[in-house]
Amino acid sequence: MNYNELAQKILDNVGGAQNIRTLTHCATRLRMEFSDRSKVQDADIANIAGVISVVEKGGQFQIVIGNEVQQVFRLLNKAMPETKSPAGEKKEQKRSGIMASIISVISTTFIPVIPAITGAGMIKALLAILKLTGLISTTSPTYQLLNIIADAAFFFLPVLLAYGASMKFECNPILAMTIAGVLLHPGIGQMMAAGKPVDFMGINVLLSDYAGSVLPIILTVWLMSWVERFAEKVTPSIIKFFIKPMLILLITAPLALVIVGPAGILLNDLVAAGAASIDRHASWLIPMLMGALQPFLIITGT
């Protein structure tokens, strides 16, 4: 199947990328909503080679592709108008320098998480005020439940970051969040508490507490994006729905636990130690750097 040709024919018959308001996919179907439904040529789309059928259900226009749907989705997604600039202007796509790439990854990963962190932080502040004014006791069930609500976003931060990282690295967000769940699984804590060496296929695994961590999951999702492309190529189409996600989990999750996770925790600790050292010796420097980075983030679009 020529995915580029299929994607282009679909675009031609839905009124172009500008007419697509939302684009998602499930296991076998592209799901679309349009700005102008009258521009969509249903019959022509149904007759495109590679399209099984066309369905309209629940306010969504659905194009049944089959197990190859993700390949077509990626091509259509790249054509979506999210990065288009006003007519006559040329959007600058390339960014030079390692630092710009790192900032782009971090900003894209964290932006979807901001509402959860902000909301949780405000609840923490509210609890602190209630505690100081004596309106609530830290031993009361109400305080403890509210504290759990506030802690959830920070404890499960790797799961939230996995979503943003999957958007950046163009891989399956649900599988990325599943692997984050592996890192946070209570069984990991139980194995750490046992205090015994953990052997995985003859390799000594250095287990860590990944709750609230940042770098391990970002690195893991980056690795997963390459594993997903590999699984896409080697999995036969007829069994791709079952085998592809199995391969992604079976390869990525062990690598995350054995190599990527511990390396990410080490980097996490080094960055934290560096920031703490700077804060001790020049507490004015970090706020100044963050302030200086704001114009850069705006200019580069990150």
C-alpha atoms as a PDB file:
ATOM      1  CA  MET A   1       0.000   0.000   0.000  1.00  0.00           C
ATOM      2  CA  ASN A   2       1.281   3.448  -0.955  1.00  0.00           C
ATOM      3  CA  TYR A   3       0.494   5.429   2.200  1.00  0.00           C
ATOM      4  CA  ASN A   4       1.567   8.784   0.769  1.00  0.00           C
ATOM      5  CA  GLU A   5      -0.748   8.380  -2.207  1.00  0.00           C
ATOM      6  CA  LEU A   6      -3.630   7.203  -0.014  1.00  0.00           C
ATOM      7  CA  ALA A   7      -3.219  10.127   2.406  1.00  0.00           C
ATOM      8  CA  GLN A   8      -3.058  12.637  -0.454  1.00  0.00           C
ATOM      9  CA  LYS A   9      -6.218  11.269  -2.082  1.00  0.00           C
ATOM     10  CA  ILE A  10      -8.064  11.475   1.230  1.00  0.00           C
ATOM     11  CA  LEU A  11      -6.929  15.095   1.671  1.00  0.00           C
ATOM     12  CA  ASP A  12      -8.036  15.955  -1.864  1.00  0.00           C
ATOM     13  CA  ASN A  13     -11.518  14.582  -1.203  1.00  0.00           C
ATOM     14  CA  VAL A  14     -12.126  16.102   2.230  1.00  0.00           C
ATOM     15  CA  GLY A  15     -11.487  19.660   1.108  1.00  0.00           C
ATOM     16  CA  GLY A  16      -7.803  19.755   2.052  1.00  0.00           C
ATOM     17  CA  ALA A  17      -6.025  19.848   5.391  1.00  0.00           C
ATOM     18  CA  GLN A  18      -7.519  23.275   6.149  1.00  0.00           C
ATOM     19  CA  ASN A  19     -10.997  21.764   6.217  1.00  0.00           C
ATOM     20  CA  ILE A  20     -10.121  19.136   8.850  1.00  0.00           C
ATOM     21  CA  ARG A  21     -11.103  20.497  12.259  1.00  0.00           C
ATOM     22  CA  THR A  22     -10.188  17.417  14.325  1.00  0.00           C
ATOM     23  CA  LEU A  23      -8.303  14.260  13.382  1.00  0.00           C
ATOM     24  CA  THR A  24      -7.965  11.123  15.523  1.00  0.00           C
ATOM     25  CA  HIS A  25      -7.840   7.399  14.913  1.00  0.00           C
ATOM     26  CA  CYS A  26      -8.751   4.126  16.604  1.00  0.00           C
ATOM     27  CA  ALA A  27      -7.567   0.605  15.798  1.00  0.00           C
ATOM     28  CA  THR A  28      -8.859   0.595  12.210  1.00  0.00           C
ATOM     29  CA  ARG A  29     -10.484   3.965  11.452  1.00  0.00           C
ATOM     30  CA  LEU A  30      -9.600   7.581  10.835  1.00  0.00           C
ATOM     31  CA  ARG A  31     -12.045   9.848  12.671  1.00  0.00           C
ATOM     32  CA  MET A  32     -12.576  13.400  11.394  1.00  0.00           C
ATOM     33  CA  GLU A  33     -14.668  16.477  11.960  1.00  0.00           C
ATOM     34  CA  PHE A  34     -14.785  19.237   9.354  1.00  0.00           C
ATOM     35  CA  SER A  35     -15.164  22.978   9.168  1.00  0.00           C
ATOM     36  CA  ASP A  36     -17.300  22.638   6.030  1.00  0.00           C
ATOM     37  CA  ARG A  37     -18.948  19.232   5.660  1.00  0.00           C
ATOM     38  CA  SER A  38     -20.203  20.066   2.139  1.00  0.00           C
ATOM     39  CA  LYS A  39     -16.646  19.907   0.771  1.00  0.00           C
ATOM     40  CA  VAL A  40     -16.302  16.219   1.644  1.00  0.00           C
ATOM     41  CA  GLN A  41     -16.803  13.774  -1.230  1.00  0.00           C
ATOM     42  CA  ASP A  42     -18.073  10.635   0.522  1.00  0.00           C
ATOM     43  CA  ALA A  43     -18.457   8.453  -2.557  1.00  0.00           C
ATOM     44  CA  ASP A  44     -15.042   9.352  -3.973  1.00  0.00           C
ATOM     45  CA  ILE A  45     -13.359   8.583  -0.642  1.00  0.00           C
ATOM     46  CA  ALA A  46     -15.118   5.193  -0.455  1.00  0.00           C
ATOM     47  CA  ASN A  47     -13.724   4.330  -3.898  1.00  0.00           C
ATOM     48  CA  ILE A  48     -10.098   5.123  -3.029  1.00  0.00           C
ATOM     49  CA  ALA A  49      -7.840   2.055  -3.136  1.00  0.00           C
ATOM     50  CA  GLY A  50      -6.940   1.254   0.471  1.00  0.00           C
ATOM     51  CA  VAL A  51     -10.199   2.582   1.940  1.00  0.00           C
ATOM     52  CA  ILE A  52     -12.491  -0.223   3.125  1.00  0.00           C
ATOM     53  CA  SER A  53     -15.562   1.922   3.777  1.00  0.00           C
ATOM     54  CA  VAL A  54     -16.839   5.298   4.938  1.00  0.00           C
ATOM     55  CA  VAL A  55     -19.082   5.688   7.996  1.00  0.00           C
ATOM     56  CA  GLU A  56     -20.642   8.733   9.650  1.00  0.00           C
ATOM     57  CA  LYS A  57     -21.570   8.146  13.271  1.00  0.00           C
ATOM     58  CA  GLY A  58     -21.897  10.281  16.395  1.00  0.00           C
ATOM     59  CA  GLY A  59     -21.013  13.481  14.555  1.00  0.00           C
ATOM     60  CA  GLN A  60     -17.755  11.972  13.290  1.00  0.00           C
ATOM     61  CA  PHE A  61     -16.780  11.127   9.740  1.00  0.00           C
ATOM     62  CA  GLN A  62     -14.992   7.774   9.869  1.00  0.00           C
ATOM     63  CA  ILE A  63     -12.781   6.292   7.163  1.00  0.00           C
ATOM     64  CA  VAL A  64     -12.149   2.582   7.663  1.00  0.00           C
ATOM     65  CA  ILE A  65      -8.550   1.782   6.679  1.00  0.00           C
ATOM     66  CA  GLY A  66      -7.775  -1.374   8.641  1.00  0.00           C
ATOM     67  CA  ASN A  67      -4.636  -2.239  10.576  1.00  0.00           C
ATOM     68  CA  GLU A  68      -2.555   0.246   8.565  1.00  0.00           C
ATOM     69  CA  VAL A  69      -4.520   3.228   9.872  1.00  0.00           C
ATOM     70  CA  GLN A  70      -1.672   4.637  11.983  1.00  0.00           C
ATOM     71  CA  GLN A  71       0.593   5.039   8.954  1.00  0.00           C
ATOM     72  CA  VAL A  72      -2.044   7.087   7.136  1.00  0.00           C
ATOM     73  CA  PHE A  73      -2.873   9.053  10.292  1.00  0.00           C
ATOM     74  CA  ARG A  74       0.763  10.173  10.686  1.00  0.00           C
ATOM     75  CA  LEU A  75       0.885  11.494   7.131  1.00  0.00           C
ATOM     76  CA  LEU A  76      -2.432  13.318   7.501  1.00  0.00           C
ATOM     77  CA  ASN A  77      -1.428  14.693  10.877  1.00  0.00           C
ATOM     78  CA  LYS A  78       1.728  16.210   9.388  1.00  0.00           C
ATOM     79  CA  ALA A  79      -0.418  18.028   6.842  1.00  0.00           C
ATOM     80  CA  MET A  80      -2.717  19.502   9.489  1.00  0.00           C
ATOM     81  CA  PRO A  81      -2.724  23.319   9.666  1.00  0.00           C
ATOM     82  CA  GLU A  82      -1.479  23.639  13.265  1.00  0.00           C
ATOM     83  CA  THR A  83       1.902  25.053  12.146  1.00  0.00           C
ATOM     84  CA  LYS A  84       0.582  27.124   9.260  1.00  0.00           C
ATOM     85  CA  SER A  85       1.244  30.838   9.343  1.00  0.00           C
ATOM     86  CA  PRO A  86      -0.803  33.619   7.694  1.00  0.00           C
ATOM     87  CA  ALA A  87      -0.925  33.702   3.898  1.00  0.00           C
ATOM     88  CA  GLY A  88       2.253  34.906   2.282  1.00  0.00           C
ATOM     89  CA  GLU A  89       4.385  34.141   5.337  1.00  0.00           C
ATOM     90  CA  LYS A  90       6.820  31.268   5.478  1.00  0.00           C
ATOM     91  CA  LYS A  91       6.875  29.280   8.692  1.00  0.00           C
ATOM     92  CA  GLU A  92      10.372  28.584   9.946  1.00  0.00           C
ATOM     93  CA  GLN A  93      10.452  24.881  10.820  1.00  0.00           C
ATOM     94  CA  LYS A  94      14.118  24.261  11.542  1.00  0.00           C
ATOM     95  CA  ARG A  95      15.747  25.125  14.804  1.00  0.00           C
ATOM     96  CA  SER A  96      19.466  24.983  15.257  1.00  0.00           C
ATOM     97  CA  GLY A  97      21.371  23.883  18.294  1.00  0.00           C
ATOM     98  CA  ILE A  98      21.048  21.184  20.901  1.00  0.00           C
ATOM     99  CA  MET A  99      19.738  23.601  23.533  1.00  0.00           C
ATOM    100  CA  ALA A 100      16.846  24.684  21.289  1.00  0.00           C
ATOM    101  CA  SER A 101      15.926  21.026  20.679  1.00  0.00           C
ATOM    102  CA  ILE A 102      16.021  20.237  24.402  1.00  0.00           C
ATOM    103  CA  ILE A 103      13.861  23.264  25.228  1.00  0.00           C
ATOM    104  CA  SER A 104      11.413  22.261  22.478  1.00  0.00           C
ATOM    105  CA  VAL A 105      11.074  18.735  23.895  1.00  0.00           C
ATOM    106  CA  ILE A 106      10.620  19.968  27.466  1.00  0.00           C
ATOM    107  CA  SER A 107       8.096  22.658  26.564  1.00  0.00           C
ATOM    108  CA  THR A 108       6.013  20.383  24.304  1.00  0.00           C
ATOM    109  CA  THR A 109       6.025  17.677  26.979  1.00  0.00           C
ATOM    110  CA  PHE A 110       5.086  19.970  29.874  1.00  0.00           C
ATOM    111  CA  ILE A 111       2.465  22.205  28.233  1.00  0.00           C
ATOM    112  CA  PRO A 112      -0.373  19.591  28.402  1.00  0.00           C
ATOM    113  CA  VAL A 113       0.537  18.912  32.065  1.00  0.00           C
ATOM    114  CA  ILE A 114       0.370  22.539  33.246  1.00  0.00           C
ATOM    115  CA  PRO A 115      -3.369  22.537  34.177  1.00  0.00           C
ATOM    116  CA  ALA A 116      -2.946  19.440  36.388  1.00  0.00           C
ATOM    117  CA  ILE A 117       0.144  20.818  38.140  1.00  0.00           C
ATOM    118  CA  THR A 118      -1.434  24.260  38.572  1.00  0.00           C
ATOM    119  CA  GLY A 119      -4.660  22.840  39.980  1.00  0.00           C
ATOM    120  CA  ALA A 120      -2.826  20.496  42.349  1.00  0.00           C
ATOM    121  CA  GLY A 121      -0.493  23.283  43.489  1.00  0.00           C
ATOM    122  CA  MET A 122      -3.428  25.580  44.274  1.00  0.00           C
ATOM    123  CA  ILE A 123      -5.065  22.838  46.363  1.00  0.00           C
ATOM    124  CA  LYS A 124      -1.772  22.466  48.272  1.00  0.00           C
ATOM    125  CA  ALA A 125      -1.765  26.216  48.904  1.00  0.00           C
ATOM    126  CA  LEU A 126      -5.407  26.106  50.051  1.00  0.00           C
ATOM    127  CA  LEU A 127      -4.606  23.257  52.467  1.00  0.00           C
ATOM    128  CA  ALA A 128      -1.677  25.232  53.886  1.00  0.00           C
ATOM    129  CA  ILE A 129      -3.959  28.232  54.524  1.00  0.00           C
ATOM    130  CA  LEU A 130      -6.638  26.070  56.143  1.00  0.00           C
ATOM    131  CA  LYS A 131      -3.998  24.449  58.347  1.00  0.00           C
ATOM    132  CA  LEU A 132      -2.470  27.787  59.427  1.00  0.00           C
ATOM    133  CA  THR A 133      -5.868  29.264  60.270  1.00  0.00           C
ATOM    134  CA  GLY A 134      -6.807  26.174  62.273  1.00  0.00           C
ATOM    135  CA  LEU A 135      -9.887  25.481  60.154  1.00  0.00           C
ATOM    136  CA  ILE A 136      -8.737  21.945  59.417  1.00  0.00           C
ATOM    137  CA  SER A 137      -6.602  19.358  61.165  1.00  0.00           C
ATOM    138  CA  THR A 138      -3.927  17.393  59.320  1.00  0.00           C
ATOM    139  CA  THR A 139      -5.225  14.238  60.990  1.00  0.00           C
ATOM    140  CA  SER A 140      -8.772  14.653  59.697  1.00  0.00           C
ATOM    141  CA  PRO A 141     -10.000  12.439  56.832  1.00  0.00           C
ATOM    142  CA  THR A 142     -11.040  15.577  54.907  1.00  0.00           C
ATOM    143  CA  TYR A 143      -7.489  16.938  54.965  1.00  0.00           C
ATOM    144  CA  GLN A 144      -6.014  13.575  54.016  1.00  0.00           C
ATOM    145  CA  LEU A 145      -8.373  13.096  51.062  1.00  0.00           C
ATOM    146  CA  LEU A 146      -7.753  16.632  49.790  1.00  0.00           C
ATOM    147  CA  ASN A 147      -4.033  16.029  50.170  1.00  0.00           C
ATOM    148  CA  ILE A 148      -4.329  12.860  48.082  1.00  0.00           C
ATOM    149  CA  ILE A 149      -6.113  14.857  45.374  1.00  0.00           C
ATOM    150  CA  ALA A 150      -3.302  17.424  45.420  1.00  0.00           C
ATOM    151  CA  ASP A 151      -0.544  14.798  45.458  1.00  0.00           C
ATOM    152  CA  ALA A 152      -1.952  12.731  42.572  1.00  0.00           C
ATOM    153  CA  ALA A 153      -0.714  15.047  39.789  1.00  0.00           C
ATOM    154  CA  PHE A 154       2.813  15.041  41.212  1.00  0.00           C
ATOM    155  CA  PHE A 155       2.951  11.323  42.055  1.00  0.00           C
ATOM    156  CA  PHE A 156       1.655  10.319  38.617  1.00  0.00           C
ATOM    157  CA  LEU A 157       3.654  13.031  36.831  1.00  0.00           C
ATOM    158  CA  PRO A 158       5.437  10.430  34.643  1.00  0.00           C
ATOM    159  CA  VAL A 159       2.052   9.278  33.291  1.00  0.00           C
ATOM    160  CA  LEU A 160       1.041  12.865  32.485  1.00  0.00           C
ATOM    161  CA  LEU A 161       4.406  13.626  30.894  1.00  0.00           C
ATOM    162  CA  ALA A 162       4.190  10.445  28.832  1.00  0.00           C
ATOM    163  CA  TYR A 163       1.214  11.931  26.990  1.00  0.00           C
ATOM    164  CA  GLY A 164       3.009  15.160  26.068  1.00  0.00           C
ATOM    165  CA  ALA A 165       6.195  13.282  25.136  1.00  0.00           C
ATOM    166  CA  SER A 166       4.223  10.951  22.861  1.00  0.00           C
ATOM    167  CA  MET A 167       2.872  13.993  21.016  1.00  0.00           C
ATOM    168  CA  LYS A 168       6.403  15.327  20.560  1.00  0.00           C
ATOM    169  CA  PHE A 169       7.913  12.031  19.427  1.00  0.00           C
ATOM    170  CA  GLU A 170       4.851  10.983  17.388  1.00  0.00           C
ATOM    171  CA  CYS A 171       4.096   7.659  19.023  1.00  0.00           C
ATOM    172  CA  ASN A 172       1.080   6.000  20.645  1.00  0.00           C
ATOM    173  CA  PRO A 173       0.084   8.022  23.750  1.00  0.00           C
ATOM    174  CA  ILE A 174      -1.794   5.166  25.438  1.00  0.00           C
ATOM    175  CA  LEU A 175       1.184   2.805  25.185  1.00  0.00           C
ATOM    176  CA  ALA A 176       3.486   5.585  26.420  1.00  0.00           C
ATOM    177  CA  MET A 177       1.241   6.128  29.454  1.00  0.00           C
ATOM    178  CA  THR A 178       1.103   2.360  30.011  1.00  0.00           C
ATOM    179  CA  ILE A 179       4.895   2.200  30.204  1.00  0.00           C
ATOM    180  CA  ALA A 180       4.841   5.097  32.668  1.00  0.00           C
ATOM    181  CA  GLY A 181       2.411   2.973  34.673  1.00  0.00           C
ATOM    182  CA  VAL A 182       4.973   0.160  34.653  1.00  0.00           C
ATOM    183  CA  LEU A 183       7.536   2.480  36.260  1.00  0.00           C
ATOM    184  CA  LEU A 184       5.008   3.473  38.947  1.00  0.00           C
ATOM    185  CA  HIS A 185       3.554   0.019  39.576  1.00  0.00           C
ATOM    186  CA  PRO A 186       3.242  -0.806  43.313  1.00  0.00           C
ATOM    187  CA  GLY A 187       5.070  -4.073  42.652  1.00  0.00           C
ATOM    188  CA  ILE A 188       8.259  -2.092  42.005  1.00  0.00           C
ATOM    189  CA  GLY A 189       8.017  -0.547  45.466  1.00  0.00           C
ATOM    190  CA  GLN A 190       7.423  -3.939  47.033  1.00  0.00           C
ATOM    191  CA  MET A 191      10.501  -5.405  45.346  1.00  0.00           C
ATOM    192  CA  MET A 192      12.567  -2.403  46.522  1.00  0.00           C
ATOM    193  CA  ALA A 193      11.258  -2.798  50.076  1.00  0.00           C
ATOM    194  CA  ALA A 194      12.314  -6.458  50.097  1.00  0.00           C
ATOM    195  CA  GLY A 195      15.917  -5.260  49.818  1.00  0.00           C
ATOM    196  CA  LYS A 196      16.959  -8.196  47.629  1.00  0.00           C
ATOM    197  CA  PRO A 197      18.835  -7.993  44.298  1.00  0.00           C
ATOM    198  CA  VAL A 198      16.435  -8.110  41.347  1.00  0.00           C
ATOM    199  CA  ASP A 199      17.485 -10.322  38.474  1.00  0.00           C
ATOM    200  CA  PHE A 200      15.871  -9.936  35.053  1.00  0.00           C
ATOM    201  CA  MET A 201      17.062 -12.469  32.487  1.00  0.00           C
ATOM    202  CA  GLY A 202      20.480 -12.569  34.107  1.00  0.00           C
ATOM    203  CA  ILE A 203      20.781  -8.778  34.403  1.00  0.00           C
ATOM    204  CA  ASN A 204      20.922  -7.095  37.796  1.00  0.00           C
ATOM    205  CA  VAL A 205      18.200  -4.418  37.790  1.00  0.00           C
ATOM    206  CA  LEU A 206      18.671  -1.219  39.778  1.00  0.00           C
ATOM    207  CA  LEU A 207      15.101  -0.419  40.801  1.00  0.00           C
ATOM    208  CA  SER A 208      14.184   3.170  41.624  1.00  0.00           C
ATOM    209  CA  ASP A 209      11.211   5.201  42.805  1.00  0.00           C
ATOM    210  CA  TYR A 210       9.944   6.975  39.693  1.00  0.00           C
ATOM    211  CA  ALA A 211       7.060   8.843  41.341  1.00  0.00           C
ATOM    212  CA  GLY A 212       7.312  12.519  40.417  1.00  0.00           C
ATOM    213  CA  SER A 213      10.333  11.961  38.154  1.00  0.00           C
ATOM    214  CA  VAL A 214      10.716  13.758  34.825  1.00  0.00           C
ATOM    215  CA  LEU A 215      13.676  12.657  32.704  1.00  0.00           C
ATOM    216  CA  PRO A 216      13.210   8.863  32.903  1.00  0.00           C
ATOM    217  CA  ILE A 217       9.815   8.907  31.192  1.00  0.00           C
ATOM    218  CA  ILE A 218      10.827  11.479  28.563  1.00  0.00           C
ATOM    219  CA  LEU A 219      13.828   9.353  27.591  1.00  0.00           C
ATOM    220  CA  THR A 220      11.702   6.206  27.672  1.00  0.00           C
ATOM    221  CA  VAL A 221       9.032   7.632  25.352  1.00  0.00           C
ATOM    222  CA  TRP A 222      11.748   8.798  22.950  1.00  0.00           C
ATOM    223  CA  LEU A 223      13.060   5.219  22.902  1.00  0.00           C
ATOM    224  CA  MET A 224       9.527   3.898  22.466  1.00  0.00           C
ATOM    225  CA  SER A 225       9.011   6.043  19.359  1.00  0.00           C
ATOM    226  CA  TRP A 226      11.864   4.155  17.652  1.00  0.00           C
ATOM    227  CA  VAL A 227      10.634   0.788  18.915  1.00  0.00           C
ATOM    228  CA  GLU A 228       7.155   1.575  17.562  1.00  0.00           C
ATOM    229  CA  ARG A 229       8.526   2.334  14.111  1.00  0.00           C
ATOM    230  CA  PHE A 230      10.478  -0.936  14.210  1.00  0.00           C
ATOM    231  CA  ALA A 231       7.377  -2.885  15.288  1.00  0.00           C
ATOM    232  CA  GLU A 232       5.374  -1.204  12.521  1.00  0.00           C
ATOM    233  CA  LYS A 233       7.819  -2.457   9.890  1.00  0.00           C
ATOM    234  CA  VAL A 234       8.313  -6.037  11.080  1.00  0.00           C
ATOM    235  CA  THR A 235       4.736  -6.926  12.080  1.00  0.00           C
ATOM    236  CA  PRO A 236       2.579  -8.578   9.387  1.00  0.00           C
ATOM    237  CA  SER A 237      -0.530  -6.545   8.641  1.00  0.00           C
ATOM    238  CA  ILE A 238      -2.973  -9.343   9.437  1.00  0.00           C
ATOM    239  CA  ILE A 239      -1.777  -9.656  13.069  1.00  0.00           C
ATOM    240  CA  LYS A 240      -0.529  -6.074  13.601  1.00  0.00           C
ATOM    241  CA  PHE A 241      -3.436  -5.140  15.889  1.00  0.00           C
ATOM    242  CA  PHE A 242      -2.253  -7.701  18.470  1.00  0.00           C
ATOM    243  CA  ILE A 243       1.469  -8.164  17.892  1.00  0.00           C
ATOM    244  CA  LYS A 244       2.597  -4.562  17.418  1.00  0.00           C
ATOM    245  CA  PRO A 245       1.557  -3.282  20.901  1.00  0.00           C
ATOM    246  CA  MET A 246       2.925  -6.482  22.460  1.00  0.00           C
ATOM    247  CA  LEU A 247       6.330  -5.894  20.847  1.00  0.00           C
ATOM    248  CA  ILE A 248       6.364  -2.244  21.917  1.00  0.00           C
ATOM    249  CA  LEU A 249       5.654  -3.109  25.557  1.00  0.00           C
ATOM    250  CA  LEU A 250       7.864  -6.203  25.581  1.00  0.00           C
ATOM    251  CA  ILE A 251      10.887  -4.276  24.254  1.00  0.00           C
ATOM    252  CA  THR A 252      10.452  -0.811  25.730  1.00  0.00           C
ATOM    253  CA  ALA A 253       9.352  -1.613  29.280  1.00  0.00           C
ATOM    254  CA  PRO A 254      12.315  -3.899  30.155  1.00  0.00           C
ATOM    255  CA  LEU A 255      14.747  -1.417  28.599  1.00  0.00           C
ATOM    256  CA  ALA A 256      13.138   1.336  30.665  1.00  0.00           C
ATOM    257  CA  LEU A 257      13.527  -0.647  33.895  1.00  0.00           C
ATOM    258  CA  VAL A 258      17.038  -1.944  33.197  1.00  0.00           C
ATOM    259  CA  ILE A 259      18.769   0.953  31.390  1.00  0.00           C
ATOM    260  CA  VAL A 260      16.783   4.093  30.563  1.00  0.00           C
ATOM    261  CA  GLY A 261      15.038   4.556  33.912  1.00  0.00           C
ATOM    262  CA  PRO A 262      18.168   4.301  36.102  1.00  0.00           C
ATOM    263  CA  ALA A 263      20.073   6.556  33.671  1.00  0.00           C
ATOM    264  CA  GLY A 264      17.233   9.082  33.772  1.00  0.00           C
ATOM    265  CA  ILE A 265      17.173   9.028  37.577  1.00  0.00           C
ATOM    266  CA  LEU A 266      20.940   9.657  37.599  1.00  0.00           C
ATOM    267  CA  LEU A 267      20.510  12.633  35.255  1.00  0.00           C
ATOM    268  CA  ASN A 268      17.564  13.802  37.363  1.00  0.00           C
ATOM    269  CA  ASP A 269      19.746  13.733  40.488  1.00  0.00           C
ATOM    270  CA  LEU A 270      22.623  15.514  38.739  1.00  0.00           C
ATOM    271  CA  VAL A 271      20.344  18.295  37.488  1.00  0.00           C
ATOM    272  CA  ALA A 272      18.745  18.645  40.934  1.00  0.00           C
ATOM    273  CA  ALA A 273      22.147  18.707  42.648  1.00  0.00           C
ATOM    274  CA  GLY A 274      23.406  21.303  40.171  1.00  0.00           C
ATOM    275  CA  ALA A 275      20.342  23.490  40.681  1.00  0.00           C
ATOM    276  CA  ALA A 276      20.677  23.178  44.480  1.00  0.00           C
ATOM    277  CA  SER A 277      24.351  24.123  44.301  1.00  0.00           C
ATOM    278  CA  ILE A 278      23.591  27.167  42.153  1.00  0.00           C
ATOM    279  CA  ASP A 279      20.790  28.161  44.521  1.00  0.00           C
ATOM    280  CA  ARG A 280      23.138  27.970  47.513  1.00  0.00           C
ATOM    281  CA  HIS A 281      25.934  30.018  45.964  1.00  0.00           C
ATOM    282  CA  ALA A 282      24.014  32.339  43.614  1.00  0.00           C
ATOM    283  CA  SER A 283      20.303  32.233  44.427  1.00  0.00           C
ATOM    284  CA  TRP A 284      19.649  35.073  41.982  1.00  0.00           C
ATOM    285  CA  LEU A 285      20.977  33.158  38.958  1.00  0.00           C
ATOM    286  CA  ILE A 286      18.200  30.602  38.340  1.00  0.00           C
ATOM    287  CA  PRO A 287      15.314  33.155  38.384  1.00  0.00           C
ATOM    288  CA  MET A 288      17.374  35.390  36.091  1.00  0.00           C
ATOM    289  CA  LEU A 289      18.003  32.522  33.631  1.00  0.00           C
ATOM    290  CA  MET A 290      14.330  31.523  33.639  1.00  0.00           C
ATOM    291  CA  GLY A 291      13.345  35.120  32.956  1.00  0.00           C
ATOM    292  CA  ALA A 292      15.892  35.367  30.152  1.00  0.00           C
ATOM    293  CA  LEU A 293      14.558  32.192  28.552  1.00  0.00           C
ATOM    294  CA  GLN A 294      11.000  33.491  28.254  1.00  0.00           C
ATOM    295  CA  PRO A 295      11.626  35.700  25.171  1.00  0.00           C
ATOM    296  CA  PHE A 296      13.563  32.831  23.582  1.00  0.00           C
ATOM    297  CA  LEU A 297      10.637  30.431  24.109  1.00  0.00           C
ATOM    298  CA  ILE A 298       8.244  32.930  22.574  1.00  0.00           C
ATOM    299  CA  ILE A 299      10.456  33.682  19.571  1.00  0.00           C
ATOM    300  CA  THR A 300      11.185  30.033  18.803  1.00  0.00           C
ATOM    301  CA  GLY A 301       7.564  29.036  19.250  1.00  0.00           C
ATOM    302  CA  THR A 302       8.324  26.499  21.973  1.00  0.00           C
END
